[in-house]
Amino acid sequence: MTDDPREFRRFNANFSLSLKSESGELEETKAQLVDISFTGLCLELKEPLPIGKIITIEVERSRNIPVQMSLGTGKVTRMPPSQETSSVPLKAGIQFTDPNKPSIQRLLQIIQRLRLVDSRRR
């Protein structure tokens, strides 16, 4: 039995993200995806985001992502206090409020395909 109350499995990932606030007050912020599920994601970023902030989340184009993908909007639910002198990235928890389910499904398929390729190389 697990203590993890999450309804959906999380997939570890390492993709670059772009974040924007729906209200327009947050300029585009770069972040790194740590893991994702159908209900939310964990990301790393340099500057803290306010708890409760609604943001749009996009996966940036890369070698494995042929086009920029919108994952939808989400609410910041976890954010550790910022440490002024720390160079360690902050991990934020985001809960999807309006997920783009086809894009999330496609990203999860890409993650699984990359894992399969990687496991065959070992």
PDB file of N, CA and C in Angstrom:
ATOM      1  N   MET A   1       0.844  -1.183   0.000  1.00  0.00           N
ATOM      2  CA  MET A   1       0.000   0.000   0.000  1.00  0.00           C
ATOM      3  C   MET A   1       0.885   1.240   0.000  1.00  0.00           C
ATOM      4  N   THR A   2       0.457   2.277  -0.662  1.00  0.00           N
ATOM      5  CA  THR A   2       1.253   3.489  -0.774  1.00  0.00           C
ATOM      6  C   THR A   2       0.598   4.643  -0.027  1.00  0.00           C
ATOM      7  N   ASP A   3       1.414   5.577   0.409  1.00  0.00           N
ATOM      8  CA  ASP A   3       0.913   6.769   1.087  1.00  0.00           C
ATOM      9  C   ASP A   3       0.606   7.883   0.093  1.00  0.00           C
ATOM     10  N   ASP A   4       0.880   7.647  -1.188  1.00  0.00           N
ATOM     11  CA  ASP A   4       0.676   8.653  -2.216  1.00  0.00           C
ATOM     12  C   ASP A   4      -0.810   8.710  -2.581  1.00  0.00           C
ATOM     13  N   PRO A   5      -1.483   9.846  -2.300  1.00  0.00           N
ATOM     14  CA  PRO A   5      -2.920   9.932  -2.550  1.00  0.00           C
ATOM     15  C   PRO A   5      -3.270  10.250  -4.002  1.00  0.00           C
ATOM     16  N   ARG A   6      -2.290  10.374  -4.870  1.00  0.00           N
ATOM     17  CA  ARG A   6      -2.572  10.769  -6.252  1.00  0.00           C
ATOM     18  C   ARG A   6      -3.398   9.719  -6.976  1.00  0.00           C
ATOM     19  N   GLU A   7      -4.322  10.217  -7.776  1.00  0.00           N
ATOM     20  CA  GLU A   7      -5.210   9.343  -8.528  1.00  0.00           C
ATOM     21  C   GLU A   7      -4.527   8.767  -9.769  1.00  0.00           C
ATOM     22  N   PHE A   8      -3.630   9.554 -10.384  1.00  0.00           N
ATOM     23  CA  PHE A   8      -2.985   9.134 -11.618  1.00  0.00           C
ATOM     24  C   PHE A   8      -1.483   8.986 -11.422  1.00  0.00           C
ATOM     25  N   ARG A   9      -0.905   8.062 -12.146  1.00  0.00           N
ATOM     26  CA  ARG A   9       0.530   7.826 -12.112  1.00  0.00           C
ATOM     27  C   ARG A   9       1.277   9.054 -12.615  1.00  0.00           C
ATOM     28  N   ARG A  10       2.415   9.327 -11.995  1.00  0.00           N
ATOM     29  CA  ARG A  10       3.281  10.420 -12.436  1.00  0.00           C
ATOM     30  C   ARG A  10       4.396   9.856 -13.283  1.00  0.00           C
ATOM     31  N   PHE A  11       4.765  10.609 -14.301  1.00  0.00           N
ATOM     32  CA  PHE A  11       5.844  10.226 -15.201  1.00  0.00           C
ATOM     33  C   PHE A  11       6.979  11.227 -15.057  1.00  0.00           C
ATOM     34  N   ASN A  12       8.174  10.728 -14.729  1.00  0.00           N
ATOM     35  CA  ASN A  12       9.338  11.603 -14.669  1.00  0.00           C
ATOM     36  C   ASN A  12       9.643  12.098 -16.068  1.00  0.00           C
ATOM     37  N   ALA A  13      10.050  13.340 -16.168  1.00  0.00           N
ATOM     38  CA  ALA A  13      10.327  13.931 -17.471  1.00  0.00           C
ATOM     39  C   ALA A  13      11.347  15.041 -17.309  1.00  0.00           C
ATOM     40  N   ASN A  14      11.931  15.433 -18.414  1.00  0.00           N
ATOM     41  CA  ASN A  14      12.894  16.524 -18.393  1.00  0.00           C
ATOM     42  C   ASN A  14      12.732  17.325 -19.680  1.00  0.00           C
ATOM     43  N   PHE A  15      11.758  18.243 -19.668  1.00  0.00           N
ATOM     44  CA  PHE A  15      11.499  19.093 -20.817  1.00  0.00           C
ATOM     45  C   PHE A  15      11.453  20.542 -20.357  1.00  0.00           C
ATOM     46  N   SER A  16      11.832  21.447 -21.249  1.00  0.00           N
ATOM     47  CA  SER A  16      11.765  22.878 -20.954  1.00  0.00           C
ATOM     48  C   SER A  16      10.331  23.364 -21.115  1.00  0.00           C
ATOM     49  N   LEU A  17       9.926  24.231 -20.189  1.00  0.00           N
ATOM     50  CA  LEU A  17       8.569  24.780 -20.187  1.00  0.00           C
ATOM     51  C   LEU A  17       8.604  26.300 -20.265  1.00  0.00           C
ATOM     52  N   SER A  18       7.528  26.857 -20.773  1.00  0.00           N
ATOM     53  CA  SER A  18       7.264  28.299 -20.736  1.00  0.00           C
ATOM     54  C   SER A  18       6.019  28.497 -19.900  1.00  0.00           C
ATOM     55  N   LEU A  19       6.074  29.428 -18.961  1.00  0.00           N
ATOM     56  CA  LEU A  19       4.930  29.723 -18.101  1.00  0.00           C
ATOM     57  C   LEU A  19       4.514  31.171 -18.296  1.00  0.00           C
ATOM     58  N   LYS A  20       3.214  31.414 -18.339  1.00  0.00           N
ATOM     59  CA  LYS A  20       2.679  32.775 -18.417  1.00  0.00           C
ATOM     60  C   LYS A  20       1.464  32.847 -17.519  1.00  0.00           C
ATOM     61  N   SER A  21       1.247  34.017 -16.926  1.00  0.00           N
ATOM     62  CA  SER A  21       0.038  34.161 -16.110  1.00  0.00           C
ATOM     63  C   SER A  21      -1.132  34.513 -17.003  1.00  0.00           C
ATOM     64  N   GLU A  22      -2.299  34.061 -16.625  1.00  0.00           N
ATOM     65  CA  GLU A  22      -3.494  34.375 -17.403  1.00  0.00           C
ATOM     66  C   GLU A  22      -3.802  35.854 -17.364  1.00  0.00           C
ATOM     67  N   SER A  23      -3.471  36.504 -16.255  1.00  0.00           N
ATOM     68  CA  SER A  23      -3.784  37.927 -16.108  1.00  0.00           C
ATOM     69  C   SER A  23      -2.798  38.813 -16.864  1.00  0.00           C
ATOM     70  N   GLY A  24      -1.687  38.250 -17.313  1.00  0.00           N
ATOM     71  CA  GLY A  24      -0.707  39.018 -18.066  1.00  0.00           C
ATOM     72  C   GLY A  24       0.318  39.728 -17.206  1.00  0.00           C
ATOM     73  N   GLU A  25       0.191  39.645 -15.874  1.00  0.00           N
ATOM     74  CA  GLU A  25       1.152  40.356 -15.024  1.00  0.00           C
ATOM     75  C   GLU A  25       2.478  39.616 -14.895  1.00  0.00           C
ATOM     76  N   LEU A  26       2.496  38.326 -15.185  1.00  0.00           N
ATOM     77  CA  LEU A  26       3.731  37.550 -15.133  1.00  0.00           C
ATOM     78  C   LEU A  26       4.299  37.452 -16.540  1.00  0.00           C
ATOM     79  N   GLU A  27       5.511  37.973 -16.701  1.00  0.00           N
ATOM     80  CA  GLU A  27       6.150  37.810 -17.995  1.00  0.00           C
ATOM     81  C   GLU A  27       6.488  36.343 -18.171  1.00  0.00           C
ATOM     82  N   GLU A  28       6.792  35.959 -19.394  1.00  0.00           N
ATOM     83  CA  GLU A  28       7.109  34.561 -19.656  1.00  0.00           C
ATOM     84  C   GLU A  28       8.267  34.123 -18.763  1.00  0.00           C
ATOM     85  N   THR A  29       8.080  32.993 -18.092  1.00  0.00           N
ATOM     86  CA  THR A  29       9.074  32.424 -17.194  1.00  0.00           C
ATOM     87  C   THR A  29       9.465  31.055 -17.716  1.00  0.00           C
ATOM     88  N   LYS A  30      10.734  30.746 -17.641  1.00  0.00           N
ATOM     89  CA  LYS A  30      11.218  29.434 -18.064  1.00  0.00           C
ATOM     90  C   LYS A  30      11.270  28.510 -16.857  1.00  0.00           C
ATOM     91  N   ALA A  31      10.961  27.243 -17.100  1.00  0.00           N
ATOM     92  CA  ALA A  31      10.985  26.238 -16.038  1.00  0.00           C
ATOM     93  C   ALA A  31      11.374  24.902 -16.657  1.00  0.00           C
ATOM     94  N   GLN A  32      11.659  23.950 -15.799  1.00  0.00           N
ATOM     95  CA  GLN A  32      12.013  22.598 -16.237  1.00  0.00           C
ATOM     96  C   GLN A  32      10.995  21.621 -15.658  1.00  0.00           C
ATOM     97  N   LEU A  33      10.413  20.801 -16.520  1.00  0.00           N
ATOM     98  CA  LEU A  33       9.458  19.798 -16.074  1.00  0.00           C
ATOM     99  C   LEU A  33      10.183  18.689 -15.323  1.00  0.00           C
ATOM    100  N   VAL A  34       9.673  18.320 -14.144  1.00  0.00           N
ATOM    101  CA  VAL A  34      10.247  17.242 -13.339  1.00  0.00           C
ATOM    102  C   VAL A  34       9.402  15.980 -13.502  1.00  0.00           C
ATOM    103  N   ASP A  35       8.082  16.118 -13.310  1.00  0.00           N
ATOM    104  CA  ASP A  35       7.168  14.998 -13.550  1.00  0.00           C
ATOM    105  C   ASP A  35       5.782  15.525 -13.876  1.00  0.00           C
ATOM    106  N   ILE A  36       4.972  14.642 -14.458  1.00  0.00           N
ATOM    107  CA  ILE A  36       3.649  15.053 -14.925  1.00  0.00           C
ATOM    108  C   ILE A  36       2.670  13.890 -14.804  1.00  0.00           C
ATOM    109  N   SER A  37       1.400  14.225 -14.557  1.00  0.00           N
ATOM    110  CA  SER A  37       0.302  13.263 -14.607  1.00  0.00           C
ATOM    111  C   SER A  37      -0.868  13.969 -15.276  1.00  0.00           C
ATOM    112  N   PHE A  38      -2.019  13.309 -15.339  1.00  0.00           N
ATOM    113  CA  PHE A  38      -3.183  13.947 -15.948  1.00  0.00           C
ATOM    114  C   PHE A  38      -3.768  15.053 -15.077  1.00  0.00           C
ATOM    115  N   THR A  39      -3.394  15.110 -13.793  1.00  0.00           N
ATOM    116  CA  THR A  39      -3.968  16.125 -12.912  1.00  0.00           C
ATOM    117  C   THR A  39      -3.017  17.247 -12.546  1.00  0.00           C
ATOM    118  N   GLY A  40      -1.731  17.085 -12.823  1.00  0.00           N
ATOM    119  CA  GLY A  40      -0.803  18.145 -12.456  1.00  0.00           C
ATOM    120  C   GLY A  40       0.622  17.815 -12.816  1.00  0.00           C
ATOM    121  N   LEU A  41       1.516  18.694 -12.372  1.00  0.00           N
ATOM    122  CA  LEU A  41       2.923  18.493 -12.656  1.00  0.00           C
ATOM    123  C   LEU A  41       3.786  19.131 -11.585  1.00  0.00           C
ATOM    124  N   CYS A  42       5.035  18.730 -11.583  1.00  0.00           N
ATOM    125  CA  CYS A  42       6.045  19.327 -10.721  1.00  0.00           C
ATOM    126  C   CYS A  42       7.078  19.943 -11.653  1.00  0.00           C
ATOM    127  N   LEU A  43       7.494  21.148 -11.337  1.00  0.00           N
ATOM    128  CA  LEU A  43       8.489  21.806 -12.164  1.00  0.00           C
ATOM    129  C   LEU A  43       9.529  22.495 -11.308  1.00  0.00           C
ATOM    130  N   GLU A  44      10.670  22.762 -11.913  1.00  0.00           N
ATOM    131  CA  GLU A  44      11.749  23.493 -11.252  1.00  0.00           C
ATOM    132  C   GLU A  44      11.891  24.851 -11.919  1.00  0.00           C
ATOM    133  N   LEU A  45      12.058  25.877 -11.104  1.00  0.00           N
ATOM    134  CA  LEU A  45      12.276  27.212 -11.629  1.00  0.00           C
ATOM    135  C   LEU A  45      13.148  28.002 -10.674  1.00  0.00           C
ATOM    136  N   LYS A  46      13.658  29.123 -11.146  1.00  0.00           N
ATOM    137  CA  LYS A  46      14.593  29.919 -10.352  1.00  0.00           C
ATOM    138  C   LYS A  46      13.895  30.895  -9.417  1.00  0.00           C
ATOM    139  N   GLU A  47      12.782  31.454  -9.851  1.00  0.00           N
ATOM    140  CA  GLU A  47      12.051  32.446  -9.061  1.00  0.00           C
ATOM    141  C   GLU A  47      10.742  31.851  -8.562  1.00  0.00           C
ATOM    142  N   PRO A  48      10.336  32.173  -7.337  1.00  0.00           N
ATOM    143  CA  PRO A  48       9.083  31.615  -6.812  1.00  0.00           C
ATOM    144  C   PRO A  48       7.853  32.196  -7.503  1.00  0.00           C
ATOM    145  N   LEU A  49       6.799  31.413  -7.515  1.00  0.00           N
ATOM    146  CA  LEU A  49       5.488  31.849  -7.993  1.00  0.00           C
ATOM    147  C   LEU A  49       4.542  31.882  -6.798  1.00  0.00           C
ATOM    148  N   PRO A  50       3.620  32.819  -6.763  1.00  0.00           N
ATOM    149  CA  PRO A  50       2.683  32.873  -5.636  1.00  0.00           C
ATOM    150  C   PRO A  50       1.728  31.671  -5.634  1.00  0.00           C
ATOM    151  N   ILE A  51       1.478  31.128  -4.443  1.00  0.00           N
ATOM    152  CA  ILE A  51       0.482  30.065  -4.292  1.00  0.00           C
ATOM    153  C   ILE A  51      -0.859  30.620  -4.787  1.00  0.00           C
ATOM    154  N   GLY A  52      -1.565  29.805  -5.555  1.00  0.00           N
ATOM    155  CA  GLY A  52      -2.860  30.218  -6.079  1.00  0.00           C
ATOM    156  C   GLY A  52      -2.791  30.880  -7.442  1.00  0.00           C
ATOM    157  N   LYS A  53      -1.611  31.241  -7.910  1.00  0.00           N
ATOM    158  CA  LYS A  53      -1.441  31.886  -9.218  1.00  0.00           C
ATOM    159  C   LYS A  53      -1.874  30.928 -10.316  1.00  0.00           C
ATOM    160  N   ILE A  54      -2.673  31.419 -11.265  1.00  0.00           N
ATOM    161  CA  ILE A  54      -3.110  30.632 -12.422  1.00  0.00           C
ATOM    162  C   ILE A  54      -2.145  30.936 -13.572  1.00  0.00           C
ATOM    163  N   ILE A  55      -1.579  29.876 -14.142  1.00  0.00           N
ATOM    164  CA  ILE A  55      -0.600  30.035 -15.213  1.00  0.00           C
ATOM    165  C   ILE A  55      -0.945  29.144 -16.403  1.00  0.00           C
ATOM    166  N   THR A  56      -0.494  29.549 -17.574  1.00  0.00           N
ATOM    167  CA  THR A  56      -0.568  28.676 -18.747  1.00  0.00           C
ATOM    168  C   THR A  56       0.787  28.001 -18.886  1.00  0.00           C
ATOM    169  N   ILE A  57       0.773  26.753 -19.293  1.00  0.00           N
ATOM    170  CA  ILE A  57       1.987  25.938 -19.341  1.00  0.00           C
ATOM    171  C   ILE A  57       2.170  25.409 -20.754  1.00  0.00           C
ATOM    172  N   GLU A  58       3.335  25.648 -21.318  1.00  0.00           N
ATOM    173  CA  GLU A  58       3.655  25.138 -22.646  1.00  0.00           C
ATOM    174  C   GLU A  58       4.985  24.410 -22.610  1.00  0.00           C
ATOM    175  N   VAL A  59       5.054  23.291 -23.309  1.00  0.00           N
ATOM    176  CA  VAL A  59       6.309  22.568 -23.473  1.00  0.00           C
ATOM    177  C   VAL A  59       6.987  23.170 -24.693  1.00  0.00           C
ATOM    178  N   GLU A  60       8.242  23.562 -24.515  1.00  0.00           N
ATOM    179  CA  GLU A  60       8.967  24.185 -25.615  1.00  0.00           C
ATOM    180  C   GLU A  60       9.415  23.153 -26.637  1.00  0.00           C
ATOM    181  N   ARG A  61       9.519  23.593 -27.829  1.00  0.00           N
ATOM    182  CA  ARG A  61       9.983  22.756 -28.929  1.00  0.00           C
ATOM    183  C   ARG A  61      11.413  22.303 -28.675  1.00  0.00           C
ATOM    184  N   SER A  62      11.692  21.039 -29.006  1.00  0.00           N
ATOM    185  CA  SER A  62      13.037  20.489 -28.821  1.00  0.00           C
ATOM    186  C   SER A  62      13.228  19.340 -29.807  1.00  0.00           C
ATOM    187  N   ARG A  63      14.326  18.647 -29.666  1.00  0.00           N
ATOM    188  CA  ARG A  63      14.611  17.505 -30.544  1.00  0.00           C
ATOM    189  C   ARG A  63      13.497  16.455 -30.460  1.00  0.00           C
ATOM    190  N   ASN A  64      12.961  16.229 -29.269  1.00  0.00           N
ATOM    191  CA  ASN A  64      11.923  15.208 -29.074  1.00  0.00           C
ATOM    192  C   ASN A  64      10.495  15.749 -29.150  1.00  0.00           C
ATOM    193  N   ILE A  65      10.353  17.052 -29.121  1.00  0.00           N
ATOM    194  CA  ILE A  65       9.037  17.701 -29.199  1.00  0.00           C
ATOM    195  C   ILE A  65       9.037  18.549 -30.470  1.00  0.00           C
ATOM    196  N   PRO A  66       8.383  18.073 -31.533  1.00  0.00           N
ATOM    197  CA  PRO A  66       8.477  18.765 -32.822  1.00  0.00           C
ATOM    198  C   PRO A  66       7.822  20.151 -32.863  1.00  0.00           C
ATOM    199  N   VAL A  67       6.796  20.369 -32.060  1.00  0.00           N
ATOM    200  CA  VAL A  67       6.125  21.674 -32.016  1.00  0.00           C
ATOM    201  C   VAL A  67       5.870  22.039 -30.557  1.00  0.00           C
ATOM    202  N   GLN A  68       5.773  23.340 -30.298  1.00  0.00           N
ATOM    203  CA  GLN A  68       5.458  23.774 -28.941  1.00  0.00           C
ATOM    204  C   GLN A  68       4.067  23.255 -28.587  1.00  0.00           C
ATOM    205  N   MET A  69       3.928  22.681 -27.377  1.00  0.00           N
ATOM    206  CA  MET A  69       2.666  22.066 -26.961  1.00  0.00           C
ATOM    207  C   MET A  69       2.091  22.791 -25.751  1.00  0.00           C
ATOM    208  N   SER A  70       0.843  23.217 -25.856  1.00  0.00           N
ATOM    209  CA  SER A  70       0.170  23.809 -24.711  1.00  0.00           C
ATOM    210  C   SER A  70      -0.407  22.691 -23.853  1.00  0.00           C
ATOM    211  N   LEU A  71      -0.036  22.673 -22.574  1.00  0.00           N
ATOM    212  CA  LEU A  71      -0.573  21.670 -21.657  1.00  0.00           C
ATOM    213  C   LEU A  71      -1.834  22.176 -20.955  1.00  0.00           C
ATOM    214  N   GLY A  72      -2.159  23.452 -21.148  1.00  0.00           N
ATOM    215  CA  GLY A  72      -3.346  24.026 -20.536  1.00  0.00           C
ATOM    216  C   GLY A  72      -2.986  25.012 -19.440  1.00  0.00           C
ATOM    217  N   THR A  73      -3.931  25.224 -18.526  1.00  0.00           N
ATOM    218  CA  THR A  73      -3.697  26.123 -17.405  1.00  0.00           C
ATOM    219  C   THR A  73      -3.706  25.335 -16.106  1.00  0.00           C
ATOM    220  N   GLY A  74      -3.024  25.905 -15.128  1.00  0.00           N
ATOM    221  CA  GLY A  74      -2.953  25.260 -13.827  1.00  0.00           C
ATOM    222  C   GLY A  74      -2.775  26.278 -12.723  1.00  0.00           C
ATOM    223  N   LYS A  75      -2.980  25.804 -11.503  1.00  0.00           N
ATOM    224  CA  LYS A  75      -2.859  26.653 -10.315  1.00  0.00           C
ATOM    225  C   LYS A  75      -1.654  26.189  -9.498  1.00  0.00           C
ATOM    226  N   VAL A  76      -0.850  27.150  -9.057  1.00  0.00           N
ATOM    227  CA  VAL A  76       0.294  26.836  -8.200  1.00  0.00           C
ATOM    228  C   VAL A  76      -0.245  26.407  -6.841  1.00  0.00           C
ATOM    229  N   THR A  77       0.063  25.149  -6.460  1.00  0.00           N
ATOM    230  CA  THR A  77      -0.443  24.628  -5.185  1.00  0.00           C
ATOM    231  C   THR A  77       0.669  24.417  -4.154  1.00  0.00           C
ATOM    232  N   ARG A  78       1.900  24.254  -4.632  1.00  0.00           N
ATOM    233  CA  ARG A  78       3.041  24.094  -3.718  1.00  0.00           C
ATOM    234  C   ARG A  78       4.186  24.945  -4.216  1.00  0.00           C
ATOM    235  N   MET A  79       4.805  25.676  -3.305  1.00  0.00           N
ATOM    236  CA  MET A  79       5.967  26.481  -3.644  1.00  0.00           C
ATOM    237  C   MET A  79       6.771  26.690  -2.373  1.00  0.00           C
ATOM    238  N   PRO A  80       8.003  26.157  -2.320  1.00  0.00           N
ATOM    239  CA  PRO A  80       8.795  26.372  -1.116  1.00  0.00           C
ATOM    240  C   PRO A  80       9.209  27.831  -1.021  1.00  0.00           C
ATOM    241  N   PRO A  81       9.527  28.286   0.186  1.00  0.00           N
ATOM    242  CA  PRO A  81       9.995  29.671   0.314  1.00  0.00           C
ATOM    243  C   PRO A  81      11.292  29.851  -0.476  1.00  0.00           C
ATOM    244  N   SER A  82      11.438  30.999  -1.101  1.00  0.00           N
ATOM    245  CA  SER A  82      12.654  31.240  -1.884  1.00  0.00           C
ATOM    246  C   SER A  82      13.819  31.485  -0.933  1.00  0.00           C
ATOM    247  N   GLN A  83      14.975  31.072  -1.374  1.00  0.00           N
ATOM    248  CA  GLN A  83      16.198  31.287  -0.597  1.00  0.00           C
ATOM    249  C   GLN A  83      17.077  32.205  -1.436  1.00  0.00           C
ATOM    250  N   GLU A  84      17.216  33.439  -0.991  1.00  0.00           N
ATOM    251  CA  GLU A  84      17.902  34.482  -1.754  1.00  0.00           C
ATOM    252  C   GLU A  84      19.285  34.056  -2.249  1.00  0.00           C
ATOM    253  N   THR A  85      20.043  33.333  -1.431  1.00  0.00           N
ATOM    254  CA  THR A  85      21.418  33.005  -1.796  1.00  0.00           C
ATOM    255  C   THR A  85      21.563  31.639  -2.442  1.00  0.00           C
ATOM    256  N   SER A  86      20.480  30.905  -2.542  1.00  0.00           N
ATOM    257  CA  SER A  86      20.552  29.544  -3.061  1.00  0.00           C
ATOM    258  C   SER A  86      20.538  29.532  -4.586  1.00  0.00           C
ATOM    259  N   SER A  87      21.385  28.668  -5.150  1.00  0.00           N
ATOM    260  CA  SER A  87      21.364  28.495  -6.606  1.00  0.00           C
ATOM    261  C   SER A  87      20.582  27.227  -6.965  1.00  0.00           C
ATOM    262  N   VAL A  88      20.002  26.580  -5.952  1.00  0.00           N
ATOM    263  CA  VAL A  88      19.219  25.369  -6.166  1.00  0.00           C
ATOM    264  C   VAL A  88      17.846  25.756  -6.712  1.00  0.00           C
ATOM    265  N   PRO A  89      17.401  25.115  -7.804  1.00  0.00           N
ATOM    266  CA  PRO A  89      16.074  25.456  -8.338  1.00  0.00           C
ATOM    267  C   PRO A  89      14.964  25.136  -7.336  1.00  0.00           C
ATOM    268  N   LEU A  90      13.893  25.908  -7.402  1.00  0.00           N
ATOM    269  CA  LEU A  90      12.727  25.699  -6.553  1.00  0.00           C
ATOM    270  C   LEU A  90      11.788  24.724  -7.247  1.00  0.00           C
ATOM    271  N   LYS A  91      11.205  23.814  -6.501  1.00  0.00           N
ATOM    272  CA  LYS A  91      10.235  22.867  -7.060  1.00  0.00           C
ATOM    273  C   LYS A  91       8.836  23.345  -6.717  1.00  0.00           C
ATOM    274  N   ALA A  92       8.027  23.528  -7.764  1.00  0.00           N
ATOM    275  CA  ALA A  92       6.652  23.983  -7.597  1.00  0.00           C
ATOM    276  C   ALA A  92       5.691  22.877  -7.990  1.00  0.00           C
ATOM    277  N   GLY A  93       4.585  22.790  -7.276  1.00  0.00           N
ATOM    278  CA  GLY A  93       3.511  21.864  -7.627  1.00  0.00           C
ATOM    279  C   GLY A  93       2.405  22.628  -8.324  1.00  0.00           C
ATOM    280  N   ILE A  94       1.979  22.125  -9.474  1.00  0.00           N
ATOM    281  CA  ILE A  94       0.926  22.766 -10.258  1.00  0.00           C
ATOM    282  C   ILE A  94      -0.214  21.770 -10.444  1.00  0.00           C
ATOM    283  N   GLN A  95      -1.434  22.200 -10.131  1.00  0.00           N
ATOM    284  CA  GLN A  95      -2.620  21.374 -10.372  1.00  0.00           C
ATOM    285  C   GLN A  95      -3.326  21.939 -11.600  1.00  0.00           C
ATOM    286  N   PHE A  96      -3.582  21.080 -12.592  1.00  0.00           N
ATOM    287  CA  PHE A  96      -4.275  21.550 -13.787  1.00  0.00           C
ATOM    288  C   PHE A  96      -5.678  22.020 -13.431  1.00  0.00           C
ATOM    289  N   THR A  97      -6.043  23.202 -13.931  1.00  0.00           N
ATOM    290  CA  THR A  97      -7.406  23.703 -13.773  1.00  0.00           C
ATOM    291  C   THR A  97      -8.169  23.574 -15.089  1.00  0.00           C
ATOM    292  N   ASP A  98      -7.459  23.659 -16.203  1.00  0.00           N
ATOM    293  CA  ASP A  98      -8.059  23.480 -17.526  1.00  0.00           C
ATOM    294  C   ASP A  98      -7.022  22.763 -18.398  1.00  0.00           C
ATOM    295  N   PRO A  99      -6.890  21.444 -18.200  1.00  0.00           N
ATOM    296  CA  PRO A  99      -5.854  20.715 -18.927  1.00  0.00           C
ATOM    297  C   PRO A  99      -6.181  20.540 -20.406  1.00  0.00           C
ATOM    298  N   ASN A 100      -5.146  20.564 -21.219  1.00  0.00           N
ATOM    299  CA  ASN A 100      -5.276  20.228 -22.636  1.00  0.00           C
ATOM    300  C   ASN A 100      -4.977  18.729 -22.723  1.00  0.00           C
ATOM    301  N   LYS A 101      -6.007  17.925 -22.526  1.00  0.00           N
ATOM    302  CA  LYS A 101      -5.826  16.474 -22.396  1.00  0.00           C
ATOM    303  C   LYS A 101      -5.159  15.828 -23.611  1.00  0.00           C
ATOM    304  N   PRO A 102      -5.496  16.205 -24.854  1.00  0.00           N
ATOM    305  CA  PRO A 102      -4.789  15.590 -25.984  1.00  0.00           C
ATOM    306  C   PRO A 102      -3.275  15.866 -25.965  1.00  0.00           C
ATOM    307  N   SER A 103      -2.876  17.082 -25.591  1.00  0.00           N
ATOM    308  CA  SER A 103      -1.444  17.407 -25.526  1.00  0.00           C
ATOM    309  C   SER A 103      -0.757  16.655 -24.395  1.00  0.00           C
ATOM    310  N   ILE A 104      -1.433  16.549 -23.249  1.00  0.00           N
ATOM    311  CA  ILE A 104      -0.855  15.816 -22.126  1.00  0.00           C
ATOM    312  C   ILE A 104      -0.687  14.352 -22.510  1.00  0.00           C
ATOM    313  N   GLN A 105      -1.704  13.779 -23.134  1.00  0.00           N
ATOM    314  CA  GLN A 105      -1.629  12.385 -23.584  1.00  0.00           C
ATOM    315  C   GLN A 105      -0.465  12.209 -24.562  1.00  0.00           C
ATOM    316  N   ARG A 106      -0.312  13.122 -25.496  1.00  0.00           N
ATOM    317  CA  ARG A 106       0.777  13.040 -26.479  1.00  0.00           C
ATOM    318  C   ARG A 106       2.130  13.128 -25.789  1.00  0.00           C
ATOM    319  N   LEU A 107       2.266  14.035 -24.821  1.00  0.00           N
ATOM    320  CA  LEU A 107       3.533  14.169 -24.093  1.00  0.00           C
ATOM    321  C   LEU A 107       3.845  12.889 -23.327  1.00  0.00           C
ATOM    322  N   LEU A 108       2.841  12.282 -22.697  1.00  0.00           N
ATOM    323  CA  LEU A 108       3.067  11.032 -21.965  1.00  0.00           C
ATOM    324  C   LEU A 108       3.490   9.916 -22.922  1.00  0.00           C
ATOM    325  N   GLN A 109       2.937   9.898 -24.124  1.00  0.00           N
ATOM    326  CA  GLN A 109       3.354   8.909 -25.126  1.00  0.00           C
ATOM    327  C   GLN A 109       4.812   9.133 -25.530  1.00  0.00           C
ATOM    328  N   ILE A 110       5.202  10.383 -25.697  1.00  0.00           N
ATOM    329  CA  ILE A 110       6.600  10.698 -26.035  1.00  0.00           C
ATOM    330  C   ILE A 110       7.521  10.248 -24.912  1.00  0.00           C
ATOM    331  N   ILE A 111       7.134  10.515 -23.668  1.00  0.00           N
ATOM    332  CA  ILE A 111       7.953  10.113 -22.512  1.00  0.00           C
ATOM    333  C   ILE A 111       8.115   8.597 -22.487  1.00  0.00           C
ATOM    334  N   GLN A 112       7.021   7.871 -22.688  1.00  0.00           N
ATOM    335  CA  GLN A 112       7.103   6.405 -22.679  1.00  0.00           C
ATOM    336  C   GLN A 112       7.972   5.885 -23.824  1.00  0.00           C
ATOM    337  N   ARG A 113       7.839   6.487 -25.008  1.00  0.00           N
ATOM    338  CA  ARG A 113       8.648   6.068 -26.146  1.00  0.00           C
ATOM    339  C   ARG A 113      10.145   6.310 -25.867  1.00  0.00           C
ATOM    340  N   LEU A 114      10.471   7.463 -25.284  1.00  0.00           N
ATOM    341  CA  LEU A 114      11.864   7.768 -24.972  1.00  0.00           C
ATOM    342  C   LEU A 114      12.419   6.797 -23.929  1.00  0.00           C
ATOM    343  N   ARG A 115      11.602   6.431 -22.952  1.00  0.00           N
ATOM    344  CA  ARG A 115      12.039   5.442 -21.946  1.00  0.00           C
ATOM    345  C   ARG A 115      12.312   4.103 -22.592  1.00  0.00           C
ATOM    346  N   LEU A 116      11.461   3.679 -23.504  1.00  0.00           N
ATOM    347  CA  LEU A 116      11.628   2.410 -24.186  1.00  0.00           C
ATOM    348  C   LEU A 116      12.928   2.408 -24.993  1.00  0.00           C
ATOM    349  N   VAL A 117      13.176   3.465 -25.728  1.00  0.00           N
ATOM    350  CA  VAL A 117      14.412   3.584 -26.512  1.00  0.00           C
ATOM    351  C   VAL A 117      15.623   3.557 -25.584  1.00  0.00           C
ATOM    352  N   ASP A 118      15.531   4.293 -24.482  1.00  0.00           N
ATOM    353  CA  ASP A 118      16.636   4.343 -23.524  1.00  0.00           C
ATOM    354  C   ASP A 118      16.898   2.986 -22.889  1.00  0.00           C
ATOM    355  N   SER A 119      15.834   2.239 -22.570  1.00  0.00           N
ATOM    356  CA  SER A 119      16.006   0.927 -21.927  1.00  0.00           C
ATOM    357  C   SER A 119      16.625  -0.073 -22.900  1.00  0.00           C
ATOM    358  N   ARG A 120      16.361   0.086 -24.164  1.00  0.00           N
ATOM    359  CA  ARG A 120      16.952  -0.816 -25.172  1.00  0.00           C
ATOM    360  C   ARG A 120      18.435  -0.555 -25.380  1.00  0.00           C
ATOM    361  N   ARG A 121      18.860   0.664 -25.090  1.00  0.00           N
ATOM    362  CA  ARG A 121      20.277   1.016 -25.238  1.00  0.00           C
ATOM    363  C   ARG A 121      21.135   0.427 -24.134  1.00  0.00           C
ATOM    364  N   ARG A 122      20.516   0.072 -23.029  1.00  0.00           N
ATOM    365  CA  ARG A 122      21.288  -0.414 -21.870  1.00  0.00           C
ATOM    366  C   ARG A 122      21.617  -1.874 -21.979  1.00  0.00           C
TER     367      ARG A 122
END
